Amino acid sequence: MDEAILTEDGVRLWAVRTGEGDPVVCCHGGPGLWDTFEDVAELLADVAVVHRWDQRGCGRSQRCGPYAMARSVADLDAVRRHFQLDTMVLLGHSWGAQLALRYALDHPERVSGLVYVAGTGIDRDAVWHAEYERNLRRGLDGNLERWETLKNRERTDAEDREFAVLQWSADFADQGRALEHAERMDTPWLGVNFACNAALMAQDERLWGTSALRAQCEALRVPTLIVDGAEDIRPRWSVDSLERALPRVSRVVLEGAGHLPWTEDSTGFRSAVSAFLRDVKATAS
């Protein structure tokens, strides 16, 4: 059943919870997108109560700012309080992995474990972004010309959706099914919040890649699982910076999977995350 969460500044957030077991709270990617964890919730339904939510201004949540990392962390804590969770495992994907990490750094006592899926590490975007752009264009292949046409002009809502599907198609290793997977991601189409995306990405440029962030990661005692798809077009070496900094970290690389590894290796993803959840529970008890 869908639930409405009211933040302390009066913004309504959409959320839903499913499954049985210990609490896992998901943070979707973007920024500016919406929850795409329905398949993850099904994979983990017998081992975790999976809490999914749309971030502020995104998807089914109220289209209202302000958009800032500190505000996103506060909203995530509003989700925790709404569901009356003392502690939780956070599972973040892509930009949502950065949000989950930031929350764990700010509130480690409330996080029993962190699953960091397809993130980009703690260096600045400039370190890895050029390689990502090259890989993106290579992945678009025959759709590159149309993607560039849409990218460089004002778009209708229908063209926004087409642009998103084309771009997301490059995120999958199996190009024969890439458009099919991308279409599933954007069904239903809830519209990208580009203002949210721009504001949070600009803030990332100031917050990431600092010695202070690295020192915080080195002091973080929360057990962390990094999950990568080996064929992610964002270079996986970008995550090495985070792996080196964290004192309690393990890492799983799923061969033949791209940026949404649960889509292309559901068995490997479920196995890795379920084992991590069992280890977190055993450690806590």
Protein backbone atom coordinates (compact mmCIF):
# COMPACT_ATOMS: atom_id res chain seq x y z
CA MET A 1 0.00 0.00 0.00
CA ASP A 2 1.33 3.44 -0.95
CA GLU A 3 2.12 5.72 1.98
CA ALA A 4 2.54 9.48 2.26
CA ILE A 5 5.39 10.82 4.38
CA LEU A 6 5.34 14.44 5.49
CA THR A 7 8.74 16.05 6.03
CA GLU A 8 9.28 18.61 8.78
CA ASP A 9 9.11 21.41 6.20
CA GLY A 10 5.76 20.14 4.91
CA VAL A 11 6.70 18.32 1.69
CA ARG A 12 4.88 15.08 0.90
CA LEU A 13 6.98 12.07 -0.12
CA TRP A 14 5.66 8.88 -1.71
CA ALA A 15 6.74 5.57 -0.17
CA VAL A 16 5.83 1.88 -0.10
CA ARG A 17 7.07 -1.15 1.84
CA THR A 18 6.92 -4.84 0.95
CA GLY A 19 8.43 -8.14 2.03
CA GLU A 20 9.38 -9.81 5.28
CA GLY A 21 12.55 -9.62 7.36
CA ASP A 22 14.88 -6.88 8.53
CA PRO A 23 14.41 -3.33 7.24
CA VAL A 24 16.13 -2.19 4.06
CA VAL A 25 15.56 1.37 2.85
CA CYS A 26 16.34 2.07 -0.80
CA CYS A 27 17.68 5.30 -2.33
CA HIS A 28 17.05 5.59 -6.06
CA GLY A 29 19.39 7.17 -8.59
CA GLY A 30 19.26 10.41 -10.50
CA PRO A 31 19.16 12.90 -9.05
CA GLY A 32 15.77 13.92 -10.37
CA LEU A 33 14.49 10.44 -11.22
CA TRP A 34 12.19 8.13 -9.22
CA ASP A 35 12.16 4.73 -7.56
CA THR A 36 13.09 1.86 -9.89
CA PHE A 37 13.53 -0.80 -7.19
CA GLU A 38 10.38 -2.86 -7.77
CA ASP A 39 12.43 -5.81 -9.07
CA VAL A 40 14.91 -5.48 -6.18
CA ALA A 41 12.02 -5.57 -3.70
CA GLU A 42 10.74 -8.78 -5.31
CA LEU A 43 14.21 -10.36 -5.25
CA LEU A 44 14.58 -9.64 -1.52
CA ALA A 45 10.93 -10.16 -0.51
CA ASP A 46 11.63 -13.21 1.66
CA VAL A 47 14.67 -11.77 3.44
CA ALA A 48 13.89 -8.08 3.98
CA VAL A 49 11.15 -5.53 4.40
CA VAL A 50 12.09 -3.25 1.53
CA HIS A 51 11.14 0.42 1.92
CA ARG A 52 11.07 2.37 -1.35
CA TRP A 53 10.45 6.09 -1.76
CA ASP A 54 10.59 8.85 -4.33
CA GLN A 55 12.96 11.63 -3.36
CA ARG A 56 11.78 15.22 -3.00
CA GLY A 57 10.55 16.67 -6.28
CA CYS A 58 10.71 13.29 -8.00
CA GLY A 59 8.18 10.81 -9.33
CA ARG A 60 5.14 10.52 -7.09
CA SER A 61 6.54 12.83 -4.41
CA GLN A 62 5.63 16.51 -4.25
CA ARG A 63 7.41 18.66 -6.84
CA CYS A 64 8.90 21.07 -4.37
CA GLY A 65 12.42 22.09 -3.37
CA PRO A 66 14.78 23.05 -1.97
CA TYR A 67 17.19 20.57 -3.55
CA ALA A 68 20.35 20.01 -1.53
CA MET A 69 22.27 17.05 -0.13
CA ALA A 70 21.54 18.08 3.46
CA ARG A 71 17.84 18.32 2.61
CA SER A 72 17.93 14.87 0.95
CA VAL A 73 19.57 13.40 4.06
CA ALA A 74 16.86 14.98 6.23
CA ASP A 75 14.17 13.57 3.94
CA LEU A 76 15.70 10.10 4.20
CA ASP A 77 15.58 10.43 7.97
CA ALA A 78 11.91 11.40 7.68
CA VAL A 79 11.37 8.08 5.88
CA ARG A 80 13.13 6.25 8.72
CA ARG A 81 11.02 7.98 11.36
CA HIS A 82 7.77 7.39 9.46
CA PHE A 83 8.41 3.66 9.41
CA GLN A 84 9.59 3.73 13.06
CA LEU A 85 13.01 2.25 12.32
CA ASP A 86 15.70 2.53 14.97
CA THR A 87 18.30 1.21 12.53
CA MET A 88 18.19 0.14 8.89
CA VAL A 89 20.27 -1.20 6.05
CA LEU A 90 20.56 1.40 3.31
CA LEU A 91 20.68 0.25 -0.31
CA GLY A 92 21.56 3.05 -2.71
CA HIS A 93 21.94 2.91 -6.48
CA SER A 94 24.01 5.30 -8.63
CA TRP A 95 23.48 8.83 -7.24
CA GLY A 96 21.34 7.20 -4.56
CA ALA A 97 24.45 5.31 -3.44
CA GLN A 98 26.09 8.68 -2.80
CA LEU A 99 23.04 9.78 -0.78
CA ALA A 100 23.05 6.57 1.24
CA LEU A 101 26.77 6.99 1.94
CA ARG A 102 26.26 10.62 3.03
CA TYR A 103 23.48 9.56 5.39
CA ALA A 104 25.66 6.82 6.89
CA LEU A 105 28.47 9.31 7.45
CA ASP A 106 26.10 11.76 9.16
CA HIS A 107 24.10 9.19 11.16
CA PRO A 108 26.17 5.99 11.54
CA GLU A 109 24.27 4.95 14.65
CA ARG A 110 21.09 4.62 12.56
CA VAL A 111 22.64 2.47 9.80
CA SER A 112 23.33 -1.22 10.42
CA GLY A 113 24.71 -1.78 6.92
CA LEU A 114 25.26 -0.03 3.59
CA VAL A 115 24.79 -1.61 0.14
CA TYR A 116 26.49 0.70 -2.37
CA VAL A 117 25.32 -0.26 -5.87
CA ALA A 118 26.85 1.17 -9.07
CA GLY A 119 28.09 4.35 -7.42
CA THR A 120 31.07 6.38 -8.57
CA GLY A 121 33.28 6.63 -5.49
CA ILE A 122 34.38 9.70 -3.57
CA ASP A 123 36.56 11.51 -6.10
CA ARG A 124 35.22 14.43 -8.14
CA ASP A 125 33.24 13.65 -11.27
CA ALA A 126 36.01 15.14 -13.39
CA VAL A 127 38.24 12.18 -12.51
CA TRP A 128 36.04 9.61 -14.28
CA HIS A 129 33.47 11.51 -16.34
CA ALA A 130 35.37 11.72 -19.63
CA GLU A 131 35.65 7.93 -19.79
CA TYR A 132 31.95 7.64 -18.97
CA GLU A 133 31.08 9.99 -21.85
CA ARG A 134 33.15 7.93 -24.29
CA ASN A 135 31.52 4.71 -23.08
CA LEU A 136 28.05 6.30 -23.29
CA ARG A 137 28.51 7.29 -26.92
CA ARG A 138 29.93 3.88 -27.77
CA GLY A 139 26.97 2.21 -26.05
CA LEU A 140 24.43 4.33 -27.93
CA ASP A 141 25.85 3.08 -31.23
CA GLY A 142 23.13 3.43 -33.88
CA ASN A 143 21.04 5.66 -31.60
CA LEU A 144 23.81 8.21 -31.08
CA GLU A 145 22.69 10.67 -33.77
CA ARG A 146 19.09 10.77 -32.53
CA TRP A 147 20.25 11.10 -28.90
CA GLU A 148 22.51 14.06 -29.79
CA THR A 149 19.67 15.72 -31.71
CA LEU A 150 17.36 15.47 -28.70
CA LYS A 151 20.09 16.46 -26.25
CA ASN A 152 20.79 19.76 -27.99
CA ARG A 153 17.27 21.16 -28.33
CA GLU A 154 14.18 22.04 -26.31
CA ARG A 155 12.13 18.85 -25.93
CA THR A 156 8.49 18.01 -25.46
CA ASP A 157 7.55 15.61 -22.65
CA ALA A 158 7.36 12.77 -25.18
CA GLU A 159 10.84 13.68 -26.43
CA ASP A 160 12.12 13.81 -22.85
CA ARG A 161 10.97 10.23 -22.48
CA GLU A 162 12.55 9.18 -25.78
CA PHE A 163 15.81 10.88 -24.78
CA ALA A 164 15.81 9.09 -21.42
CA VAL A 165 15.13 5.69 -22.96
CA LEU A 166 17.95 6.12 -25.47
CA GLN A 167 20.41 7.26 -22.81
CA TRP A 168 19.45 4.55 -20.35
CA SER A 169 19.76 1.89 -23.03
CA ALA A 170 23.53 2.39 -22.94
CA ASP A 171 23.51 1.34 -19.27
CA PHE A 172 22.91 -2.33 -20.10
CA ALA A 173 25.50 -4.89 -21.12
CA ASP A 174 23.14 -6.90 -23.34
CA GLN A 175 22.52 -4.44 -26.16
CA GLY A 176 20.06 -6.84 -27.74
CA ARG A 177 17.67 -6.19 -24.83
CA ALA A 178 18.88 -2.71 -23.85
CA LEU A 179 15.91 -0.75 -25.21
CA GLU A 180 13.52 -3.26 -23.63
CA HIS A 181 15.20 -2.81 -20.23
CA ALA A 182 15.23 0.98 -20.60
CA GLU A 183 11.54 1.04 -21.50
CA ARG A 184 10.79 -0.95 -18.35
CA MET A 185 12.72 1.60 -16.30
CA ASP A 186 10.57 4.46 -17.51
CA THR A 187 7.19 2.72 -17.27
CA PRO A 188 5.28 4.49 -15.92
CA TRP A 189 6.96 7.67 -17.16
CA LEU A 190 7.03 10.13 -14.25
CA GLY A 191 9.17 12.86 -15.80
CA VAL A 192 12.75 13.83 -14.96
CA ASN A 193 13.12 16.80 -12.59
CA PHE A 194 16.00 18.56 -14.36
CA ALA A 195 16.11 21.42 -11.82
CA CYS A 196 16.63 18.91 -9.03
CA ASN A 197 19.30 17.16 -11.06
CA ALA A 198 21.22 20.36 -11.79
CA ALA A 199 21.11 21.63 -8.20
CA LEU A 200 22.30 18.39 -6.61
CA MET A 201 24.96 17.66 -9.22
CA ALA A 202 26.39 21.16 -8.75
CA GLN A 203 26.54 20.57 -5.02
CA ASP A 204 28.29 17.22 -5.56
CA GLU A 205 31.07 19.11 -7.30
CA ARG A 206 31.73 21.01 -4.06
CA LEU A 207 31.32 18.13 -1.60
CA TRP A 208 32.99 15.20 -3.34
CA GLY A 209 36.73 14.74 -3.77
CA THR A 210 37.71 16.49 -0.54
CA SER A 211 40.16 15.34 2.12
CA ALA A 212 37.42 15.84 4.72
CA LEU A 213 35.14 13.36 2.93
CA ARG A 214 37.93 10.82 2.69
CA ALA A 215 38.70 11.17 6.40
CA GLN A 216 35.03 10.65 7.26
CA CYS A 217 34.94 7.47 5.18
CA GLU A 218 38.09 6.18 6.85
CA ALA A 219 36.37 6.61 10.23
CA LEU A 220 33.08 4.97 9.21
CA ARG A 221 32.49 1.68 11.04
CA VAL A 222 29.28 0.72 9.21
CA PRO A 223 29.74 -2.57 7.29
CA THR A 224 29.50 -1.88 3.58
CA LEU A 225 28.94 -4.02 0.51
CA ILE A 226 29.89 -2.52 -2.86
CA VAL A 227 28.07 -4.13 -5.79
CA ASP A 228 29.24 -3.40 -9.34
CA GLY A 229 28.17 -4.53 -12.77
CA ALA A 230 31.39 -5.31 -14.61
CA GLU A 231 30.03 -3.74 -17.82
CA ASP A 232 28.85 -0.47 -16.24
CA ILE A 233 29.75 2.42 -18.57
CA ARG A 234 30.80 4.41 -15.51
CA PRO A 235 34.35 3.12 -14.98
CA ARG A 236 34.45 0.76 -12.02
CA TRP A 237 37.89 1.98 -11.01
CA SER A 238 36.16 5.18 -9.90
CA VAL A 239 34.82 3.25 -6.90
CA ASP A 240 38.32 2.19 -5.81
CA SER A 241 38.66 5.47 -3.93
CA LEU A 242 35.76 4.53 -1.67
CA GLU A 243 36.82 0.92 -1.25
CA ARG A 244 40.30 2.02 -0.15
CA ALA A 245 38.89 4.48 2.39
CA LEU A 246 36.30 2.29 4.13
CA PRO A 247 37.57 0.09 6.98
CA ARG A 248 34.73 -2.49 6.85
CA VAL A 249 34.02 -3.16 3.20
CA SER A 250 33.52 -6.07 0.81
CA ARG A 251 32.97 -5.88 -2.93
CA VAL A 252 31.17 -8.02 -5.49
CA VAL A 253 31.53 -7.55 -9.25
CA LEU A 254 28.80 -9.18 -11.36
CA GLU A 255 30.08 -10.20 -14.77
CA GLY A 256 27.88 -9.49 -17.78
CA ALA A 257 25.88 -6.82 -15.95
CA GLY A 258 25.73 -3.09 -16.46
CA HIS A 259 24.57 -0.13 -14.40
CA LEU A 260 21.47 -1.92 -13.05
CA PRO A 261 23.15 -5.20 -12.07
CA TRP A 262 19.98 -6.74 -10.59
CA THR A 263 18.38 -6.59 -14.05
CA GLU A 264 21.08 -8.55 -15.86
CA ASP A 265 22.27 -10.83 -13.03
CA SER A 266 19.35 -11.15 -10.65
CA THR A 267 20.68 -14.38 -9.14
CA GLY A 268 24.12 -12.95 -8.41
CA PHE A 269 22.65 -9.73 -7.04
CA ARG A 270 20.21 -11.50 -4.75
CA SER A 271 22.91 -13.88 -3.52
CA ALA A 272 25.37 -11.08 -2.70
CA VAL A 273 22.84 -8.82 -0.96
CA SER A 274 21.13 -11.65 0.94
CA ALA A 275 24.47 -12.92 2.26
CA PHE A 276 25.39 -9.40 3.35
CA LEU A 277 22.05 -8.97 5.16
CA ARG A 278 22.62 -12.25 7.00
CA ASP A 279 26.11 -11.13 8.05
CA VAL A 280 24.78 -7.77 9.27
CA LYS A 281 22.09 -9.50 11.32
CA ALA A 282 24.55 -11.99 12.80
CA THR A 283 26.95 -9.21 13.75
CA ALA A 284 24.17 -7.19 15.36
CA SER A 285 23.03 -10.15 17.47
